[in-house]
Amino acid sequence: MSNWYSADTHFGSDSKEVMIRDNRPFRDIHEYTEAQVRIWNEQASSDDTIYVIGDFCNCGPNTEKDFRSGLSVSKRINAHIILIIGNNEQRAIDECFDGSFEKFRKYCLTDPSCKFDDVKLNDYVDIKGEKFFLTHKPTDHAKDCQT
């Protein structure tokens, strides 16, 4: 059992702007998604956990709103997935879940189109005795750390 870490995948059927902005070397979002799913499933087993540290889905402030198609990519991943929300998930929470993190979390954990093991605002992991704080946005977490 291994842990893997990723961020900023920006999955979603209308994420073409991300391909351009991030200079991702794919013809379109569908080719990108297929490549990512294949790579993740080749490298991470069904016993492994992938921590996605924000922006699993894409929910842009102006044009890209299809975050649900992005979240549904989780169903295609063999490993366990723990999502730490990023600014794109926060936009989806604000726009479609009445600003409620708990409503968004419930959707991700219970909707048949998704397969997340957990959804968190942030998290701590212990790697070989060292404590790491997982968050999409830089923050002063020292006050919450226990030594």
N, C-alpha and C. Protein backbone atom coordinates (compact mmCIF):
# COMPACT_ATOMS: atom_id res chain seq x y z
N MET A 1 0.85 -1.18 0.00
CA MET A 1 0.00 0.00 0.00
C MET A 1 0.90 1.24 0.00
N SER A 2 0.69 2.08 -0.98
CA SER A 2 1.46 3.31 -1.10
C SER A 2 0.54 4.50 -1.17
N ASN A 3 1.07 5.65 -0.80
CA ASN A 3 0.36 6.91 -0.99
C ASN A 3 1.00 7.65 -2.15
N TRP A 4 0.16 8.26 -2.95
CA TRP A 4 0.58 9.08 -4.08
C TRP A 4 -0.01 10.47 -3.88
N TYR A 5 0.64 11.47 -4.46
CA TYR A 5 0.20 12.85 -4.28
C TYR A 5 0.15 13.55 -5.63
N SER A 6 -0.93 14.27 -5.87
CA SER A 6 -1.10 15.00 -7.12
C SER A 6 -1.93 16.24 -6.84
N ALA A 7 -1.99 17.13 -7.80
CA ALA A 7 -2.82 18.34 -7.68
C ALA A 7 -3.06 18.92 -9.06
N ASP A 8 -4.07 19.76 -9.13
CA ASP A 8 -4.33 20.56 -10.33
C ASP A 8 -4.55 19.73 -11.59
N THR A 9 -5.30 18.66 -11.48
CA THR A 9 -5.61 17.86 -12.67
C THR A 9 -6.63 18.57 -13.55
N HIS A 10 -7.53 19.33 -12.95
CA HIS A 10 -8.52 20.13 -13.69
C HIS A 10 -9.31 19.29 -14.69
N PHE A 11 -9.78 18.13 -14.24
CA PHE A 11 -10.62 17.31 -15.11
C PHE A 11 -11.96 18.00 -15.34
N GLY A 12 -12.53 17.79 -16.51
CA GLY A 12 -13.85 18.33 -16.85
C GLY A 12 -14.00 18.41 -18.35
N SER A 13 -15.20 18.17 -18.83
CA SER A 13 -15.42 18.12 -20.27
C SER A 13 -15.22 19.46 -20.96
N ASP A 14 -15.30 20.55 -20.22
CA ASP A 14 -15.13 21.87 -20.84
C ASP A 14 -13.85 22.56 -20.37
N SER A 15 -12.82 21.76 -20.11
CA SER A 15 -11.57 22.30 -19.58
C SER A 15 -10.55 22.65 -20.67
N LYS A 16 -11.02 22.98 -21.86
CA LYS A 16 -10.08 23.26 -22.96
C LYS A 16 -9.17 24.45 -22.65
N GLU A 17 -9.66 25.43 -21.90
CA GLU A 17 -8.84 26.59 -21.53
C GLU A 17 -7.62 26.16 -20.72
N VAL A 18 -7.77 25.12 -19.89
CA VAL A 18 -6.67 24.62 -19.07
C VAL A 18 -5.57 24.05 -19.96
N MET A 19 -5.95 23.38 -21.03
CA MET A 19 -4.95 22.81 -21.95
C MET A 19 -4.06 23.91 -22.52
N ILE A 20 -4.66 25.03 -22.85
CA ILE A 20 -3.92 26.16 -23.42
C ILE A 20 -3.11 26.87 -22.34
N ARG A 21 -3.77 27.25 -21.26
CA ARG A 21 -3.12 28.01 -20.19
C ARG A 21 -1.92 27.29 -19.59
N ASP A 22 -2.06 25.99 -19.37
CA ASP A 22 -1.00 25.21 -18.73
C ASP A 22 -0.05 24.56 -19.74
N ASN A 23 -0.29 24.83 -21.01
CA ASN A 23 0.56 24.29 -22.08
C ASN A 23 0.70 22.77 -21.96
N ARG A 24 -0.43 22.11 -21.74
CA ARG A 24 -0.42 20.66 -21.61
C ARG A 24 -0.34 20.04 -23.01
N PRO A 25 0.55 19.09 -23.20
CA PRO A 25 0.83 18.58 -24.55
C PRO A 25 -0.17 17.54 -25.06
N PHE A 26 -1.42 17.91 -25.11
CA PHE A 26 -2.48 17.02 -25.58
C PHE A 26 -3.35 17.78 -26.57
N ARG A 27 -3.96 17.06 -27.50
CA ARG A 27 -4.83 17.70 -28.49
C ARG A 27 -6.06 18.33 -27.85
N ASP A 28 -6.59 17.64 -26.83
CA ASP A 28 -7.81 18.13 -26.19
C ASP A 28 -7.94 17.51 -24.81
N ILE A 29 -8.97 17.93 -24.10
CA ILE A 29 -9.18 17.47 -22.73
C ILE A 29 -9.46 15.96 -22.67
N HIS A 30 -10.07 15.42 -23.71
CA HIS A 30 -10.37 13.99 -23.71
C HIS A 30 -9.09 13.16 -23.81
N GLU A 31 -8.17 13.57 -24.69
CA GLU A 31 -6.89 12.87 -24.79
C GLU A 31 -6.11 12.98 -23.47
N TYR A 32 -6.13 14.16 -22.86
CA TYR A 32 -5.47 14.39 -21.57
C TYR A 32 -6.06 13.47 -20.49
N THR A 33 -7.37 13.44 -20.40
CA THR A 33 -8.05 12.63 -19.37
C THR A 33 -7.71 11.16 -19.56
N GLU A 34 -7.78 10.67 -20.79
CA GLU A 34 -7.46 9.27 -21.05
C GLU A 34 -6.03 8.94 -20.63
N ALA A 35 -5.10 9.83 -20.95
CA ALA A 35 -3.69 9.61 -20.59
C ALA A 35 -3.52 9.60 -19.07
N GLN A 36 -4.15 10.52 -18.37
CA GLN A 36 -4.01 10.59 -16.91
C GLN A 36 -4.61 9.35 -16.25
N VAL A 37 -5.78 8.94 -16.67
CA VAL A 37 -6.41 7.75 -16.09
C VAL A 37 -5.52 6.53 -16.33
N ARG A 38 -5.01 6.38 -17.52
CA ARG A 38 -4.14 5.25 -17.85
C ARG A 38 -2.89 5.26 -16.96
N ILE A 39 -2.24 6.42 -16.85
CA ILE A 39 -1.01 6.53 -16.04
C ILE A 39 -1.30 6.22 -14.57
N TRP A 40 -2.35 6.82 -14.02
CA TRP A 40 -2.68 6.57 -12.62
C TRP A 40 -2.96 5.09 -12.37
N ASN A 41 -3.73 4.48 -13.27
CA ASN A 41 -4.09 3.08 -13.08
C ASN A 41 -2.90 2.14 -13.30
N GLU A 42 -1.93 2.53 -14.11
CA GLU A 42 -0.72 1.73 -14.28
C GLU A 42 0.19 1.83 -13.07
N GLN A 43 0.21 2.97 -12.41
CA GLN A 43 1.16 3.18 -11.33
C GLN A 43 0.59 2.91 -9.94
N ALA A 44 -0.65 3.22 -9.71
CA ALA A 44 -1.26 3.07 -8.38
C ALA A 44 -2.21 1.87 -8.39
N SER A 45 -2.02 0.98 -7.44
CA SER A 45 -2.87 -0.21 -7.36
C SER A 45 -4.16 0.10 -6.61
N SER A 46 -5.04 -0.88 -6.58
CA SER A 46 -6.32 -0.69 -5.88
C SER A 46 -6.13 -0.60 -4.37
N ASP A 47 -4.97 -0.97 -3.87
CA ASP A 47 -4.66 -0.85 -2.44
C ASP A 47 -4.04 0.50 -2.09
N ASP A 48 -3.65 1.26 -3.10
CA ASP A 48 -2.98 2.54 -2.89
C ASP A 48 -3.98 3.67 -2.69
N THR A 49 -3.50 4.78 -2.15
CA THR A 49 -4.31 5.98 -1.98
C THR A 49 -3.65 7.13 -2.71
N ILE A 50 -4.44 7.84 -3.50
CA ILE A 50 -3.97 9.04 -4.17
C ILE A 50 -4.59 10.23 -3.45
N TYR A 51 -3.74 11.09 -2.92
CA TYR A 51 -4.19 12.36 -2.35
C TYR A 51 -4.15 13.39 -3.47
N VAL A 52 -5.30 13.94 -3.80
CA VAL A 52 -5.34 15.02 -4.79
C VAL A 52 -5.48 16.31 -4.00
N ILE A 53 -4.44 17.13 -4.07
CA ILE A 53 -4.36 18.31 -3.22
C ILE A 53 -4.90 19.52 -3.98
N GLY A 54 -6.17 19.44 -4.28
CA GLY A 54 -6.90 20.55 -4.88
C GLY A 54 -7.02 20.50 -6.39
N ASP A 55 -8.15 21.00 -6.85
CA ASP A 55 -8.46 21.17 -8.27
C ASP A 55 -8.45 19.86 -9.05
N PHE A 56 -9.06 18.83 -8.48
CA PHE A 56 -9.30 17.58 -9.23
C PHE A 56 -10.19 17.91 -10.41
N CYS A 57 -11.23 18.71 -10.15
CA CYS A 57 -12.14 19.12 -11.21
C CYS A 57 -11.84 20.56 -11.62
N ASN A 58 -12.49 20.97 -12.67
CA ASN A 58 -12.33 22.34 -13.14
C ASN A 58 -13.65 23.07 -12.98
N CYS A 59 -13.59 24.24 -12.41
CA CYS A 59 -14.78 25.08 -12.29
C CYS A 59 -14.27 26.51 -12.37
N GLY A 60 -14.19 27.01 -13.60
CA GLY A 60 -13.62 28.34 -13.83
C GLY A 60 -14.58 29.45 -13.48
N PRO A 61 -14.04 30.63 -13.21
CA PRO A 61 -14.88 31.76 -12.81
C PRO A 61 -15.72 32.32 -13.96
N ASN A 62 -15.34 32.06 -15.21
CA ASN A 62 -16.06 32.66 -16.32
C ASN A 62 -16.72 31.66 -17.26
N THR A 63 -15.96 30.69 -17.75
CA THR A 63 -16.49 29.85 -18.81
C THR A 63 -16.70 28.39 -18.44
N GLU A 64 -15.86 27.83 -17.60
CA GLU A 64 -15.91 26.40 -17.38
C GLU A 64 -16.67 26.06 -16.10
N LYS A 65 -17.79 25.42 -16.27
CA LYS A 65 -18.67 25.14 -15.14
C LYS A 65 -18.96 23.65 -14.98
N ASP A 66 -18.42 22.82 -15.86
CA ASP A 66 -18.79 21.41 -15.86
C ASP A 66 -17.96 20.60 -14.88
N PHE A 67 -17.97 21.03 -13.61
CA PHE A 67 -17.16 20.35 -12.60
C PHE A 67 -17.62 18.92 -12.35
N ARG A 68 -18.90 18.63 -12.58
CA ARG A 68 -19.40 17.28 -12.31
C ARG A 68 -18.75 16.25 -13.24
N SER A 69 -18.53 16.62 -14.51
CA SER A 69 -17.86 15.68 -15.41
C SER A 69 -16.43 15.46 -14.95
N GLY A 70 -15.81 16.47 -14.36
CA GLY A 70 -14.47 16.32 -13.81
C GLY A 70 -14.45 15.39 -12.62
N LEU A 71 -15.38 15.57 -11.71
CA LEU A 71 -15.44 14.71 -10.53
C LEU A 71 -15.71 13.26 -10.91
N SER A 72 -16.47 13.06 -11.99
CA SER A 72 -16.82 11.69 -12.40
C SER A 72 -15.61 10.89 -12.88
N VAL A 73 -14.52 11.55 -13.22
CA VAL A 73 -13.30 10.83 -13.60
C VAL A 73 -12.84 9.93 -12.46
N SER A 74 -13.17 10.30 -11.24
CA SER A 74 -12.78 9.50 -10.06
C SER A 74 -13.26 8.06 -10.17
N LYS A 75 -14.37 7.82 -10.83
CA LYS A 75 -14.92 6.46 -10.99
C LYS A 75 -13.99 5.57 -11.81
N ARG A 76 -13.14 6.18 -12.60
CA ARG A 76 -12.27 5.43 -13.51
C ARG A 76 -10.91 5.09 -12.90
N ILE A 77 -10.66 5.59 -11.70
CA ILE A 77 -9.37 5.39 -11.04
C ILE A 77 -9.47 4.18 -10.12
N ASN A 78 -8.53 3.26 -10.24
CA ASN A 78 -8.56 2.04 -9.43
C ASN A 78 -8.19 2.28 -7.97
N ALA A 79 -7.31 3.22 -7.71
CA ALA A 79 -6.85 3.49 -6.34
C ALA A 79 -7.90 4.23 -5.54
N HIS A 80 -7.70 4.28 -4.23
CA HIS A 80 -8.52 5.11 -3.36
C HIS A 80 -8.14 6.56 -3.63
N ILE A 81 -9.09 7.47 -3.50
CA ILE A 81 -8.81 8.89 -3.73
C ILE A 81 -9.31 9.70 -2.54
N ILE A 82 -8.41 10.51 -2.00
CA ILE A 82 -8.79 11.49 -0.98
C ILE A 82 -8.58 12.86 -1.61
N LEU A 83 -9.64 13.63 -1.65
CA LEU A 83 -9.61 14.96 -2.26
C LEU A 83 -9.49 16.03 -1.18
N ILE A 84 -8.45 16.82 -1.29
CA ILE A 84 -8.30 18.04 -0.48
C ILE A 84 -8.79 19.16 -1.40
N ILE A 85 -9.81 19.89 -0.98
CA ILE A 85 -10.40 20.84 -1.93
C ILE A 85 -9.43 21.97 -2.29
N GLY A 86 -9.59 22.42 -3.53
CA GLY A 86 -8.83 23.56 -4.03
C GLY A 86 -9.78 24.69 -4.39
N ASN A 87 -9.26 25.69 -5.04
CA ASN A 87 -10.10 26.84 -5.39
C ASN A 87 -11.19 26.47 -6.40
N ASN A 88 -10.96 25.50 -7.27
CA ASN A 88 -12.00 25.10 -8.21
C ASN A 88 -13.14 24.39 -7.51
N GLU A 89 -12.82 23.50 -6.57
CA GLU A 89 -13.88 22.87 -5.78
C GLU A 89 -14.61 23.91 -4.94
N GLN A 90 -13.88 24.89 -4.42
CA GLN A 90 -14.52 25.94 -3.63
C GLN A 90 -15.50 26.74 -4.48
N ARG A 91 -15.15 27.00 -5.74
CA ARG A 91 -16.11 27.69 -6.63
C ARG A 91 -17.35 26.85 -6.83
N ALA A 92 -17.18 25.54 -7.02
CA ALA A 92 -18.34 24.66 -7.17
C ALA A 92 -19.18 24.67 -5.89
N ILE A 93 -18.53 24.64 -4.73
CA ILE A 93 -19.24 24.70 -3.45
C ILE A 93 -20.04 25.99 -3.36
N ASP A 94 -19.42 27.10 -3.68
CA ASP A 94 -20.08 28.41 -3.57
C ASP A 94 -21.24 28.55 -4.56
N GLU A 95 -21.04 28.07 -5.78
CA GLU A 95 -22.03 28.28 -6.84
C GLU A 95 -23.15 27.24 -6.87
N CYS A 96 -22.85 26.00 -6.46
CA CYS A 96 -23.83 24.92 -6.65
C CYS A 96 -24.24 24.19 -5.38
N PHE A 97 -23.58 24.46 -4.28
CA PHE A 97 -23.88 23.77 -3.03
C PHE A 97 -24.13 24.76 -1.90
N ASP A 98 -24.65 25.93 -2.25
CA ASP A 98 -25.01 26.97 -1.28
C ASP A 98 -23.87 27.32 -0.33
N GLY A 99 -22.64 27.21 -0.82
CA GLY A 99 -21.50 27.54 0.03
C GLY A 99 -21.20 26.51 1.09
N SER A 100 -21.86 25.36 1.03
CA SER A 100 -21.72 24.35 2.07
C SER A 100 -20.70 23.27 1.68
N PHE A 101 -19.57 23.26 2.36
CA PHE A 101 -18.58 22.20 2.15
C PHE A 101 -19.20 20.83 2.42
N GLU A 102 -20.01 20.73 3.46
CA GLU A 102 -20.61 19.43 3.81
C GLU A 102 -21.53 18.90 2.71
N LYS A 103 -22.28 19.79 2.06
CA LYS A 103 -23.14 19.34 0.94
C LYS A 103 -22.28 18.84 -0.21
N PHE A 104 -21.21 19.55 -0.52
CA PHE A 104 -20.29 19.13 -1.58
C PHE A 104 -19.65 17.79 -1.22
N ARG A 105 -19.19 17.67 0.01
CA ARG A 105 -18.56 16.43 0.47
C ARG A 105 -19.53 15.26 0.35
N LYS A 106 -20.76 15.48 0.78
CA LYS A 106 -21.77 14.42 0.69
C LYS A 106 -21.99 14.01 -0.76
N TYR A 107 -22.07 14.99 -1.66
CA TYR A 107 -22.23 14.69 -3.09
C TYR A 107 -21.08 13.80 -3.56
N CYS A 108 -19.84 14.18 -3.25
CA CYS A 108 -18.67 13.43 -3.71
C CYS A 108 -18.61 12.02 -3.14
N LEU A 109 -19.12 11.84 -1.93
CA LEU A 109 -19.04 10.54 -1.27
C LEU A 109 -20.22 9.63 -1.57
N THR A 110 -21.34 10.19 -2.02
CA THR A 110 -22.54 9.35 -2.19
C THR A 110 -23.10 9.32 -3.60
N ASP A 111 -22.80 10.32 -4.43
CA ASP A 111 -23.36 10.33 -5.77
C ASP A 111 -22.74 9.17 -6.58
N PRO A 112 -23.56 8.41 -7.29
CA PRO A 112 -23.04 7.26 -8.04
C PRO A 112 -22.03 7.63 -9.14
N SER A 113 -21.98 8.90 -9.52
CA SER A 113 -21.04 9.30 -10.58
C SER A 113 -19.63 9.53 -10.03
N CYS A 114 -19.47 9.52 -8.71
CA CYS A 114 -18.16 9.80 -8.09
C CYS A 114 -17.66 8.60 -7.30
N LYS A 115 -16.34 8.59 -7.04
CA LYS A 115 -15.76 7.53 -6.21
C LYS A 115 -14.60 8.13 -5.40
N PHE A 116 -14.92 8.88 -4.39
CA PHE A 116 -13.91 9.42 -3.49
C PHE A 116 -14.02 8.70 -2.16
N ASP A 117 -12.89 8.44 -1.53
CA ASP A 117 -12.90 7.81 -0.21
C ASP A 117 -13.12 8.84 0.88
N ASP A 118 -12.68 10.08 0.61
CA ASP A 118 -12.94 11.17 1.53
C ASP A 118 -12.69 12.48 0.82
N VAL A 119 -13.29 13.52 1.34
CA VAL A 119 -13.11 14.89 0.84
C VAL A 119 -12.87 15.74 2.07
N LYS A 120 -11.79 16.51 2.05
CA LYS A 120 -11.40 17.28 3.23
C LYS A 120 -11.01 18.70 2.83
N LEU A 121 -11.08 19.58 3.81
CA LEU A 121 -10.60 20.94 3.60
C LEU A 121 -9.07 20.95 3.54
N ASN A 122 -8.46 20.17 4.40
CA ASN A 122 -7.01 19.97 4.45
C ASN A 122 -6.78 18.71 5.27
N ASP A 123 -5.52 18.31 5.37
CA ASP A 123 -5.25 17.07 6.11
C ASP A 123 -3.78 17.05 6.52
N TYR A 124 -3.48 16.18 7.45
CA TYR A 124 -2.10 15.90 7.85
C TYR A 124 -1.80 14.46 7.47
N VAL A 125 -0.59 14.22 7.01
CA VAL A 125 -0.13 12.85 6.79
C VAL A 125 1.21 12.70 7.47
N ASP A 126 1.48 11.50 7.91
CA ASP A 126 2.75 11.18 8.53
C ASP A 126 3.54 10.32 7.56
N ILE A 127 4.72 10.80 7.17
CA ILE A 127 5.59 10.06 6.27
C ILE A 127 6.91 9.83 6.98
N LYS A 128 7.12 8.57 7.34
CA LYS A 128 8.36 8.18 8.03
C LYS A 128 8.63 9.05 9.26
N GLY A 129 7.58 9.32 10.04
CA GLY A 129 7.72 10.07 11.27
C GLY A 129 7.69 11.59 11.11
N GLU A 130 7.60 12.06 9.89
CA GLU A 130 7.50 13.51 9.64
C GLU A 130 6.05 13.85 9.31
N LYS A 131 5.55 14.90 9.92
CA LYS A 131 4.17 15.32 9.72
C LYS A 131 4.12 16.37 8.61
N PHE A 132 3.26 16.14 7.62
CA PHE A 132 3.08 17.06 6.51
C PHE A 132 1.64 17.56 6.48
N PHE A 133 1.49 18.85 6.24
CA PHE A 133 0.18 19.49 6.15
C PHE A 133 -0.19 19.60 4.68
N LEU A 134 -1.33 19.00 4.31
CA LEU A 134 -1.78 19.03 2.92
C LEU A 134 -2.86 20.08 2.75
N THR A 135 -2.60 21.04 1.89
CA THR A 135 -3.57 22.09 1.58
C THR A 135 -3.28 22.60 0.18
N HIS A 136 -4.31 23.05 -0.49
CA HIS A 136 -4.12 23.60 -1.83
C HIS A 136 -3.63 25.04 -1.78
N LYS A 137 -4.06 25.72 -0.73
CA LYS A 137 -3.70 27.13 -0.60
C LYS A 137 -2.68 27.29 0.52
N PRO A 138 -1.61 28.01 0.25
CA PRO A 138 -0.65 28.26 1.34
C PRO A 138 -1.33 28.91 2.53
N THR A 139 -0.97 28.45 3.71
CA THR A 139 -1.60 28.95 4.93
C THR A 139 -0.63 28.77 6.09
N ASP A 140 -0.83 29.54 7.14
CA ASP A 140 -0.03 29.36 8.34
C ASP A 140 -0.70 28.29 9.19
N HIS A 141 -0.18 27.09 9.11
CA HIS A 141 -0.77 25.96 9.83
C HIS A 141 -0.06 25.69 11.14
N ALA A 142 0.99 26.43 11.44
CA ALA A 142 1.80 26.14 12.63
C ALA A 142 0.97 26.13 13.91
N LYS A 143 0.00 27.01 14.01
CA LYS A 143 -0.81 27.07 15.23
C LYS A 143 -1.58 25.78 15.47
N ASP A 144 -1.84 25.01 14.39
CA ASP A 144 -2.59 23.77 14.52
C ASP A 144 -1.71 22.54 14.66
N CYS A 145 -0.41 22.70 14.45
CA CYS A 145 0.50 21.56 14.52
C CYS A 145 0.78 21.14 15.95
N GLN A 146 0.82 19.86 16.15
CA GLN A 146 1.23 19.33 17.44
C GLN A 146 2.61 18.74 17.27
N THR A 147 3.49 19.01 18.19
CA THR A 147 4.84 18.47 18.07
C THR A 147 5.01 17.23 18.92
